[in-house]
PDB file of N, CA and C in Angstrom:
ATOM      1  N   UNK A   1     130.082  79.091  86.190  1.00  0.00           N
ATOM      2  CA  UNK A   1     128.682  79.455  86.102  1.00  0.00           C
ATOM      3  C   UNK A   1     128.584  80.930  85.752  1.00  0.00           C
ATOM      4  N   UNK A   2     127.761  81.220  84.766  1.00  0.00           N
ATOM      5  CA  UNK A   2     127.624  82.598  84.314  1.00  0.00           C
ATOM      6  C   UNK A   2     126.639  83.358  85.193  1.00  0.00           C
ATOM      7  N   UNK A   3     126.932  84.611  85.421  1.00  0.00           N
ATOM      8  CA  UNK A   3     126.031  85.464  86.200  1.00  0.00           C
ATOM      9  C   UNK A   3     125.477  86.588  85.344  1.00  0.00           C
ATOM     10  N   UNK A   4     125.498  86.403  84.033  1.00  0.00           N
ATOM     11  CA  UNK A   4     125.033  87.453  83.127  1.00  0.00           C
ATOM     12  C   UNK A   4     123.545  87.773  83.300  1.00  0.00           C
ATOM     13  N   UNK A   5     122.755  86.796  83.707  1.00  0.00           N
ATOM     14  CA  UNK A   5     121.311  87.003  83.809  1.00  0.00           C
ATOM     15  C   UNK A   5     120.874  87.510  85.175  1.00  0.00           C
ATOM     16  N   UNK A   6     121.775  87.560  86.099  1.00  0.00           N
ATOM     17  CA  UNK A   6     121.438  88.016  87.443  1.00  0.00           C
ATOM     18  C   UNK A   6     121.501  89.537  87.473  1.00  0.00           C
ATOM     19  N   UNK A   7     120.402  90.122  87.937  1.00  0.00           N
ATOM     20  CA  UNK A   7     120.353  91.582  88.050  1.00  0.00           C
ATOM     21  C   UNK A   7     120.574  91.939  89.508  1.00  0.00           C
ATOM     22  N   UNK A   8     121.712  92.443  89.805  1.00  0.00           N
ATOM     23  CA  UNK A   8     122.018  92.849  91.173  1.00  0.00           C
ATOM     24  C   UNK A   8     121.726  94.335  91.325  1.00  0.00           C
ATOM     25  N   UNK A   9     121.088  94.702  92.432  1.00  0.00           N
ATOM     26  CA  UNK A   9     120.832  96.126  92.649  1.00  0.00           C
ATOM     27  C   UNK A   9     122.148  96.866  92.853  1.00  0.00           C
ATOM     28  N   UNK A  10     122.172  98.131  92.522  1.00  0.00           N
ATOM     29  CA  UNK A  10     123.406  98.890  92.723  1.00  0.00           C
ATOM     30  C   UNK A  10     123.755  98.913  94.209  1.00  0.00           C
ATOM     31  N   UNK A  11     125.031  98.893  94.480  1.00  0.00           N
ATOM     32  CA  UNK A  11     125.479  98.850  95.871  1.00  0.00           C
ATOM     33  C   UNK A  11     125.267 100.174  96.591  1.00  0.00           C
ATOM     34  N   UNK A  12     125.360 101.249  95.868  1.00  0.00           N
ATOM     35  CA  UNK A  12     125.245 102.561  96.502  1.00  0.00           C
ATOM     36  C   UNK A  12     124.176 103.371  95.782  1.00  0.00           C
ATOM     37  N   UNK A  13     123.056 103.557  96.463  1.00  0.00           N
ATOM     38  CA  UNK A  13     121.997 104.396  95.898  1.00  0.00           C
ATOM     39  C   UNK A  13     122.169 105.812  96.442  1.00  0.00           C
ATOM     40  N   UNK A  14     121.869 106.751  95.592  1.00  0.00           N
ATOM     41  CA  UNK A  14     121.940 108.139  96.038  1.00  0.00           C
ATOM     42  C   UNK A  14     120.720 108.422  96.916  1.00  0.00           C
ATOM     43  N   UNK A  15     120.780 109.495  97.639  1.00  0.00           N
ATOM     44  CA  UNK A  15     119.665 109.905  98.497  1.00  0.00           C
ATOM     45  C   UNK A  15     118.396 110.097  97.661  1.00  0.00           C
ATOM     46  N   UNK A  16     118.569 110.710  96.511  1.00  0.00           N
ATOM     47  CA  UNK A  16     117.438 110.962  95.618  1.00  0.00           C
ATOM     48  C   UNK A  16     116.814 109.641  95.142  1.00  0.00           C
ATOM     49  N   UNK A  17     117.637 108.656  94.827  1.00  0.00           N
ATOM     50  CA  UNK A  17     117.138 107.358  94.385  1.00  0.00           C
ATOM     51  C   UNK A  17     116.398 106.638  95.514  1.00  0.00           C
ATOM     52  N   UNK A  18     116.918 106.741  96.736  1.00  0.00           N
ATOM     53  CA  UNK A  18     116.238 106.132  97.889  1.00  0.00           C
ATOM     54  C   UNK A  18     114.893 106.804  98.129  1.00  0.00           C
ATOM     55  N   UNK A  19     114.848 108.124  98.011  1.00  0.00           N
ATOM     56  CA  UNK A  19     113.593 108.856  98.199  1.00  0.00           C
ATOM     57  C   UNK A  19     112.581 108.468  97.129  1.00  0.00           C
ATOM     58  N   UNK A  20     113.042 108.335  95.907  1.00  0.00           N
ATOM     59  CA  UNK A  20     112.156 107.945  94.821  1.00  0.00           C
ATOM     60  C   UNK A  20     111.591 106.541  95.083  1.00  0.00           C
ATOM     61  N   UNK A  21     112.449 105.628  95.495  1.00  0.00           N
ATOM     62  CA  UNK A  21     111.998 104.271  95.820  1.00  0.00           C
ATOM     63  C   UNK A  21     110.954 104.282  96.919  1.00  0.00           C
ATOM     64  N   UNK A  22     111.173 105.085  97.951  1.00  0.00           N
ATOM     65  CA  UNK A  22     110.218 105.187  99.055  1.00  0.00           C
ATOM     66  C   UNK A  22     108.891 105.762  98.576  1.00  0.00           C
ATOM     67  N   UNK A  23     108.947 106.789  97.719  1.00  0.00           N
ATOM     68  CA  UNK A  23     107.718 107.383  97.187  1.00  0.00           C
ATOM     69  C   UNK A  23     106.945 106.372  96.352  1.00  0.00           C
ATOM     70  N   UNK A  24     107.674 105.592  95.550  1.00  0.00           N
ATOM     71  CA  UNK A  24     107.005 104.571  94.731  1.00  0.00           C
ATOM     72  C   UNK A  24     106.336 103.518  95.608  1.00  0.00           C
ATOM     73  N   UNK A  25     107.046 103.058  96.639  1.00  0.00           N
ATOM     74  CA  UNK A  25     106.454 102.066  97.551  1.00  0.00           C
ATOM     75  C   UNK A  25     105.242 102.642  98.258  1.00  0.00           C
ATOM     76  N   UNK A  26     105.349 103.883  98.727  1.00  0.00           N
ATOM     77  CA  UNK A  26     104.232 104.531  99.417  1.00  0.00           C
ATOM     78  C   UNK A  26     103.021 104.696  98.502  1.00  0.00           C
ATOM     79  N   UNK A  27     103.261 104.956  97.228  1.00  0.00           N
ATOM     80  CA  UNK A  27     102.143 105.153  96.301  1.00  0.00           C
ATOM     81  C   UNK A  27     101.400 103.852  96.023  1.00  0.00           C
ATOM     82  N   UNK A  28     102.035 102.709  96.286  1.00  0.00           N
ATOM     83  CA  UNK A  28     101.385 101.420  96.059  1.00  0.00           C
ATOM     84  C   UNK A  28     100.512 100.992  97.230  1.00  0.00           C
ATOM     85  N   UNK A  29     100.710 101.571  98.391  1.00  0.00           N
ATOM     86  CA  UNK A  29     100.003 101.147  99.599  1.00  0.00           C
ATOM     87  C   UNK A  29      98.480 101.232  99.465  1.00  0.00           C
ATOM     88  N   UNK A  30      97.890 102.339  98.975  1.00  0.00           N
ATOM     89  CA  UNK A  30      96.429 102.378  98.870  1.00  0.00           C
ATOM     90  C   UNK A  30      95.866 101.250  97.999  1.00  0.00           C
ATOM     91  N   UNK A  31      96.532 100.941  96.918  1.00  0.00           N
ATOM     92  CA  UNK A  31      96.082  99.855  96.050  1.00  0.00           C
ATOM     93  C   UNK A  31      96.187  98.505  96.735  1.00  0.00           C
ATOM     94  N   UNK A  32      97.246  98.311  97.489  1.00  0.00           N
ATOM     95  CA  UNK A  32      97.410  97.057  98.220  1.00  0.00           C
ATOM     96  C   UNK A  32      96.345  96.903  99.297  1.00  0.00           C
ATOM     97  N   UNK A  33      96.011  97.983  99.962  1.00  0.00           N
ATOM     98  CA  UNK A  33      94.956  97.952 100.982  1.00  0.00           C
ATOM     99  C   UNK A  33      93.612  97.640 100.332  1.00  0.00           C
ATOM    100  N   UNK A  34      93.308  98.308  99.217  1.00  0.00           N
ATOM    101  CA  UNK A  34      92.046  98.055  98.518  1.00  0.00           C
ATOM    102  C   UNK A  34      91.962  96.600  98.058  1.00  0.00           C
ATOM    103  N   UNK A  35      93.054  96.074  97.530  1.00  0.00           N
ATOM    104  CA  UNK A  35      93.068  94.681  97.067  1.00  0.00           C
ATOM    105  C   UNK A  35      92.842  93.721  98.227  1.00  0.00           C
ATOM    106  N   UNK A  36      93.437  94.000  99.363  1.00  0.00           N
ATOM    107  CA  UNK A  36      93.254  93.141 100.538  1.00  0.00           C
ATOM    108  C   UNK A  36      91.803  93.169 101.008  1.00  0.00           C
ATOM    109  N   UNK A  37      91.182  94.347 100.982  1.00  0.00           N
ATOM    110  CA  UNK A  37      89.769  94.449 101.377  1.00  0.00           C
ATOM    111  C   UNK A  37      88.878  93.683 100.407  1.00  0.00           C
ATOM    112  N   UNK A  38      89.173  93.772  99.116  1.00  0.00           N
ATOM    113  CA  UNK A  38      88.385  93.060  98.106  1.00  0.00           C
ATOM    114  C   UNK A  38      88.519  91.558  98.308  1.00  0.00           C
ATOM    115  N   UNK A  39      89.739  91.082  98.519  1.00  0.00           N
ATOM    116  CA  UNK A  39      89.958  89.652  98.759  1.00  0.00           C
ATOM    117  C   UNK A  39      89.210  89.194 100.005  1.00  0.00           C
ATOM    118  N   UNK A  40      89.249  89.995 101.050  1.00  0.00           N
ATOM    119  CA  UNK A  40      88.568  89.654 102.293  1.00  0.00           C
ATOM    120  C   UNK A  40      87.061  89.580 102.090  1.00  0.00           C
ATOM    121  N   UNK A  41      86.505  90.564 101.394  1.00  0.00           N
ATOM    122  CA  UNK A  41      85.065  90.576 101.146  1.00  0.00           C
ATOM    123  C   UNK A  41      84.643  89.397 100.271  1.00  0.00           C
ATOM    124  N   UNK A  42      85.446  89.078  99.263  1.00  0.00           N
ATOM    125  CA  UNK A  42      85.126  87.944  98.388  1.00  0.00           C
ATOM    126  C   UNK A  42      85.166  86.636  99.171  1.00  0.00           C
ATOM    127  N   UNK A  43      86.136  86.484 100.049  1.00  0.00           N
ATOM    128  CA  UNK A  43      86.225  85.273 100.875  1.00  0.00           C
ATOM    129  C   UNK A  43      85.009  85.158 101.781  1.00  0.00           C
ATOM    130  N   UNK A  44      84.632  86.264 102.418  1.00  0.00           N
ATOM    131  CA  UNK A  44      83.475  86.255 103.312  1.00  0.00           C
ATOM    132  C   UNK A  44      82.191  85.942 102.542  1.00  0.00           C
ATOM    133  N   UNK A  45      82.022  86.545 101.367  1.00  0.00           N
ATOM    134  CA  UNK A  45      80.819  86.295 100.567  1.00  0.00           C
ATOM    135  C   UNK A  45      80.763  84.840 100.092  1.00  0.00           C
ATOM    136  N   UNK A  46      81.908  84.322  99.645  1.00  0.00           N
ATOM    137  CA  UNK A  46      81.950  82.926  99.183  1.00  0.00           C
ATOM    138  C   UNK A  46      81.617  81.972 100.327  1.00  0.00           C
ATOM    139  N   UNK A  47      82.137  82.258 101.520  1.00  0.00           N
ATOM    140  CA  UNK A  47      81.852  81.427 102.687  1.00  0.00           C
ATOM    141  C   UNK A  47      80.373  81.491 103.047  1.00  0.00           C
ATOM    142  N   UNK A  48      79.810  82.696 103.037  1.00  0.00           N
ATOM    143  CA  UNK A  48      78.388  82.854 103.348  1.00  0.00           C
ATOM    144  C   UNK A  48      77.519  82.101 102.341  1.00  0.00           C
ATOM    145  N   UNK A  49      77.840  82.232 101.054  1.00  0.00           N
ATOM    146  CA  UNK A  49      77.068  81.520 100.028  1.00  0.00           C
ATOM    147  C   UNK A  49      77.170  80.012 100.184  1.00  0.00           C
ATOM    148  N   UNK A  50      78.346  79.527 100.462  1.00  0.00           N
ATOM    149  CA  UNK A  50      78.550  78.094 100.633  1.00  0.00           C
ATOM    150  C   UNK A  50      77.727  77.553 101.801  1.00  0.00           C
ATOM    151  N   UNK A  51      77.781  78.256 102.903  1.00  0.00           N
ATOM    152  CA  UNK A  51      77.028  77.809 104.079  1.00  0.00           C
ATOM    153  C   UNK A  51      75.523  77.976 103.891  1.00  0.00           C
ATOM    154  N   UNK A  52      75.118  79.033 103.229  1.00  0.00           N
ATOM    155  CA  UNK A  52      73.688  79.221 102.960  1.00  0.00           C
ATOM    156  C   UNK A  52      73.166  78.093 102.064  1.00  0.00           C
ATOM    157  N   UNK A  53      73.946  77.709 101.077  1.00  0.00           N
ATOM    158  CA  UNK A  53      73.543  76.602 100.201  1.00  0.00           C
ATOM    159  C   UNK A  53      73.457  75.300 100.983  1.00  0.00           C
ATOM    160  N   UNK A  54      74.435  75.062 101.840  1.00  0.00           N
ATOM    161  CA  UNK A  54      74.432  73.850 102.659  1.00  0.00           C
ATOM    162  C   UNK A  54      73.206  73.821 103.575  1.00  0.00           C
ATOM    163  N   UNK A  55      72.922  74.958 104.216  1.00  0.00           N
ATOM    164  CA  UNK A  55      71.763  75.018 105.106  1.00  0.00           C
ATOM    165  C   UNK A  55      70.453  74.910 104.343  1.00  0.00           C
ATOM    166  N   UNK A  56      70.394  75.457 103.142  1.00  0.00           N
ATOM    167  CA  UNK A  56      69.178  75.338 102.331  1.00  0.00           C
ATOM    168  C   UNK A  56      68.917  73.880 101.966  1.00  0.00           C
ATOM    169  N   UNK A  57      69.977  73.153 101.667  1.00  0.00           N
ATOM    170  CA  UNK A  57      69.831  71.717 101.390  1.00  0.00           C
ATOM    171  C   UNK A  57      69.348  70.971 102.620  1.00  0.00           C
ATOM    172  N   UNK A  58      69.917  71.307 103.776  1.00  0.00           N
ATOM    173  CA  UNK A  58      69.482  70.680 105.029  1.00  0.00           C
ATOM    174  C   UNK A  58      68.030  71.032 105.322  1.00  0.00           C
ATOM    175  N   UNK A  59      67.654  72.267 105.019  1.00  0.00           N
ATOM    176  CA  UNK A  59      66.265  72.698 105.211  1.00  0.00           C
ATOM    177  C   UNK A  59      65.328  71.865 104.341  1.00  0.00           C
ATOM    178  N   UNK A  60      65.676  71.693 103.079  1.00  0.00           N
ATOM    179  CA  UNK A  60      64.832  70.915 102.164  1.00  0.00           C
ATOM    180  C   UNK A  60      64.688  69.473 102.641  1.00  0.00           C
ATOM    181  N   UNK A  61      65.796  68.878 103.111  1.00  0.00           N
ATOM    182  CA  UNK A  61      65.732  67.499 103.616  1.00  0.00           C
ATOM    183  C   UNK A  61      64.884  67.414 104.882  1.00  0.00           C
ATOM    184  N   UNK A  62      65.019  68.410 105.754  1.00  0.00           N
ATOM    185  CA  UNK A  62      64.242  68.421 106.993  1.00  0.00           C
ATOM    186  C   UNK A  62      62.747  68.558 106.698  1.00  0.00           C
ATOM    187  N   UNK A  63      62.413  69.365 105.704  1.00  0.00           N
ATOM    188  CA  UNK A  63      61.002  69.538 105.336  1.00  0.00           C
ATOM    189  C   UNK A  63      60.423  68.210 104.838  1.00  0.00           C
ATOM    190  N   UNK A  64      61.213  67.475 104.057  1.00  0.00           N
ATOM    191  CA  UNK A  64      60.754  66.165 103.581  1.00  0.00           C
ATOM    192  C   UNK A  64      60.598  65.189 104.736  1.00  0.00           C
ATOM    193  N   UNK A  65      61.531  65.202 105.663  1.00  0.00           N
ATOM    194  CA  UNK A  65      61.536  64.258 106.775  1.00  0.00           C
ATOM    195  C   UNK A  65      60.476  64.606 107.828  1.00  0.00           C
ATOM    196  N   UNK A  66      60.384  65.886 108.155  1.00  0.00           N
ATOM    197  CA  UNK A  66      59.446  66.334 109.197  1.00  0.00           C
ATOM    198  C   UNK A  66      58.780  67.618 108.735  1.00  0.00           C
ATOM    199  N   UNK A  67      57.768  67.507 107.881  1.00  0.00           N
ATOM    200  CA  UNK A  67      57.147  68.687 107.271  1.00  0.00           C
ATOM    201  C   UNK A  67      56.506  69.669 108.257  1.00  0.00           C
ATOM    202  N   UNK A  68      56.141  69.230 109.428  1.00  0.00           N
ATOM    203  CA  UNK A  68      55.510  70.141 110.388  1.00  0.00           C
ATOM    204  C   UNK A  68      56.476  71.224 110.886  1.00  0.00           C
ATOM    205  N   UNK A  69      57.771  71.015 110.742  1.00  0.00           N
ATOM    206  CA  UNK A  69      58.740  72.008 111.193  1.00  0.00           C
ATOM    207  C   UNK A  69      59.150  72.997 110.117  1.00  0.00           C
ATOM    208  N   UNK A  70      58.467  72.982 108.979  1.00  0.00           N
ATOM    209  CA  UNK A  70      58.883  73.823 107.843  1.00  0.00           C
ATOM    210  C   UNK A  70      59.054  75.287 108.206  1.00  0.00           C
ATOM    211  N   UNK A  71      58.095  75.850 108.928  1.00  0.00           N
ATOM    212  CA  UNK A  71      58.178  77.278 109.277  1.00  0.00           C
ATOM    213  C   UNK A  71      59.423  77.555 110.121  1.00  0.00           C
ATOM    214  N   UNK A  72      59.721  76.665 111.069  1.00  0.00           N
ATOM    215  CA  UNK A  72      60.906  76.857 111.923  1.00  0.00           C
ATOM    216  C   UNK A  72      62.194  76.738 111.112  1.00  0.00           C
ATOM    217  N   UNK A  73      62.239  75.764 110.208  1.00  0.00           N
ATOM    218  CA  UNK A  73      63.431  75.584 109.383  1.00  0.00           C
ATOM    219  C   UNK A  73      63.704  76.833 108.539  1.00  0.00           C
ATOM    220  N   UNK A  74      62.632  77.375 107.977  1.00  0.00           N
ATOM    221  CA  UNK A  74      62.789  78.566 107.147  1.00  0.00           C
ATOM    222  C   UNK A  74      63.277  79.762 107.969  1.00  0.00           C
ATOM    223  N   UNK A  75      62.746  79.904 109.187  1.00  0.00           N
ATOM    224  CA  UNK A  75      63.179  81.004 110.052  1.00  0.00           C
ATOM    225  C   UNK A  75      64.667  80.872 110.376  1.00  0.00           C
ATOM    226  N   UNK A  76      65.104  79.657 110.658  1.00  0.00           N
ATOM    227  CA  UNK A  76      66.515  79.437 110.980  1.00  0.00           C
ATOM    228  C   UNK A  76      67.402  79.810 109.793  1.00  0.00           C
ATOM    229  N   UNK A  77      67.045  79.326 108.615  1.00  0.00           N
ATOM    230  CA  UNK A  77      67.854  79.624 107.425  1.00  0.00           C
ATOM    231  C   UNK A  77      67.806  81.108 107.070  1.00  0.00           C
ATOM    232  N   UNK A  78      66.638  81.715 107.200  1.00  0.00           N
ATOM    233  CA  UNK A  78      66.522  83.149 106.916  1.00  0.00           C
ATOM    234  C   UNK A  78      67.318  83.977 107.915  1.00  0.00           C
ATOM    235  N   UNK A  79      67.322  83.555 109.180  1.00  0.00           N
ATOM    236  CA  UNK A  79      68.105  84.276 110.197  1.00  0.00           C
ATOM    237  C   UNK A  79      69.594  84.191 109.865  1.00  0.00           C
ATOM    238  N   UNK A  80      70.036  83.024 109.420  1.00  0.00           N
ATOM    239  CA  UNK A  80      71.444  82.884 109.042  1.00  0.00           C
ATOM    240  C   UNK A  80      71.769  83.791 107.857  1.00  0.00           C
ATOM    241  N   UNK A  81      70.900  83.791 106.865  1.00  0.00           N
ATOM    242  CA  UNK A  81      71.131  84.638 105.687  1.00  0.00           C
ATOM    243  C   UNK A  81      71.174  86.115 106.089  1.00  0.00           C
ATOM    244  N   UNK A  82      70.291  86.510 106.990  1.00  0.00           N
ATOM    245  CA  UNK A  82      70.284  87.894 107.473  1.00  0.00           C
ATOM    246  C   UNK A  82      71.570  88.237 108.204  1.00  0.00           C
ATOM    247  N   UNK A  83      72.036  87.303 109.020  1.00  0.00           N
ATOM    248  CA  UNK A  83      73.298  87.518 109.732  1.00  0.00           C
ATOM    249  C   UNK A  83      74.454  87.706 108.750  1.00  0.00           C
ATOM    250  N   UNK A  84      74.494  86.863 107.726  1.00  0.00           N
ATOM    251  CA  UNK A  84      75.550  86.972 106.713  1.00  0.00           C
ATOM    252  C   UNK A  84      75.491  88.332 106.019  1.00  0.00           C
ATOM    253  N   UNK A  85      74.295  88.759 105.679  1.00  0.00           N
ATOM    254  CA  UNK A  85      74.142  90.054 105.008  1.00  0.00           C
ATOM    255  C   UNK A  85      74.619  91.199 105.900  1.00  0.00           C
ATOM    256  N   UNK A  86      74.306  91.120 107.193  1.00  0.00           N
ATOM    257  CA  UNK A  86      74.762  92.155 108.120  1.00  0.00           C
ATOM    258  C   UNK A  86      76.286  92.195 108.194  1.00  0.00           C
ATOM    259  N   UNK A  87      76.903  91.025 108.280  1.00  0.00           N
ATOM    260  CA  UNK A  87      78.369  90.972 108.356  1.00  0.00           C
ATOM    261  C   UNK A  87      79.015  91.519 107.079  1.00  0.00           C
ATOM    262  N   UNK A  88      78.448  91.165 105.943  1.00  0.00           N
ATOM    263  CA  UNK A  88      78.996  91.671 104.668  1.00  0.00           C
ATOM    264  C   UNK A  88      78.809  93.187 104.564  1.00  0.00           C
ATOM    265  N   UNK A  89      77.679  93.676 105.040  1.00  0.00           N
ATOM    266  CA  UNK A  89      77.451  95.130 105.016  1.00  0.00           C
ATOM    267  C   UNK A  89      78.448  95.842 105.930  1.00  0.00           C
ATOM    268  N   UNK A  90      78.784  95.232 107.064  1.00  0.00           N
ATOM    269  CA  UNK A  90      79.782  95.825 107.957  1.00  0.00           C
ATOM    270  C   UNK A  90      81.147  95.896 107.280  1.00  0.00           C
ATOM    271  N   UNK A  91      81.480  94.878 106.506  1.00  0.00           N
ATOM    272  CA  UNK A  91      82.750  94.915 105.761  1.00  0.00           C
ATOM    273  C   UNK A  91      82.764  96.093 104.795  1.00  0.00           C
ATOM    274  N   UNK A  92      81.638  96.329 104.156  1.00  0.00           N
ATOM    275  CA  UNK A  92      81.559  97.398 103.154  1.00  0.00           C
ATOM    276  C   UNK A  92      81.685  98.781 103.811  1.00  0.00           C
ATOM    277  N   UNK A  93      81.296  98.879 105.073  1.00  0.00           N
ATOM    278  CA  UNK A  93      81.311 100.195 105.738  1.00  0.00           C
ATOM    279  C   UNK A  93      82.662 100.504 106.386  1.00  0.00           C
ATOM    280  N   UNK A  94      83.578  99.546 106.388  1.00  0.00           N
ATOM    281  CA  UNK A  94      84.885  99.774 107.036  1.00  0.00           C
ATOM    282  C   UNK A  94      85.845 100.458 106.106  1.00  0.00           C
TER     283      UNK A  94
END
């Protein structure tokens, strides 16, 4: 079996090479943190939108079934939407 395509790291790195590697890894950390925050915020927003859509559908069905509760249904859905907005705003402030 040929090992021509396998790239093995050098067995002995100089101190300077190790320091350079550490500096390169350290320089990537801020970008990795920012990417993780973006992924987290996108997940939270997608979840909030999904649940808001589900609750809006339930609200519409409830209004058809029992129209006298329309004001209460709207308050419940609006309160949920407000809660989601507050949570997303907290993510942005961290």
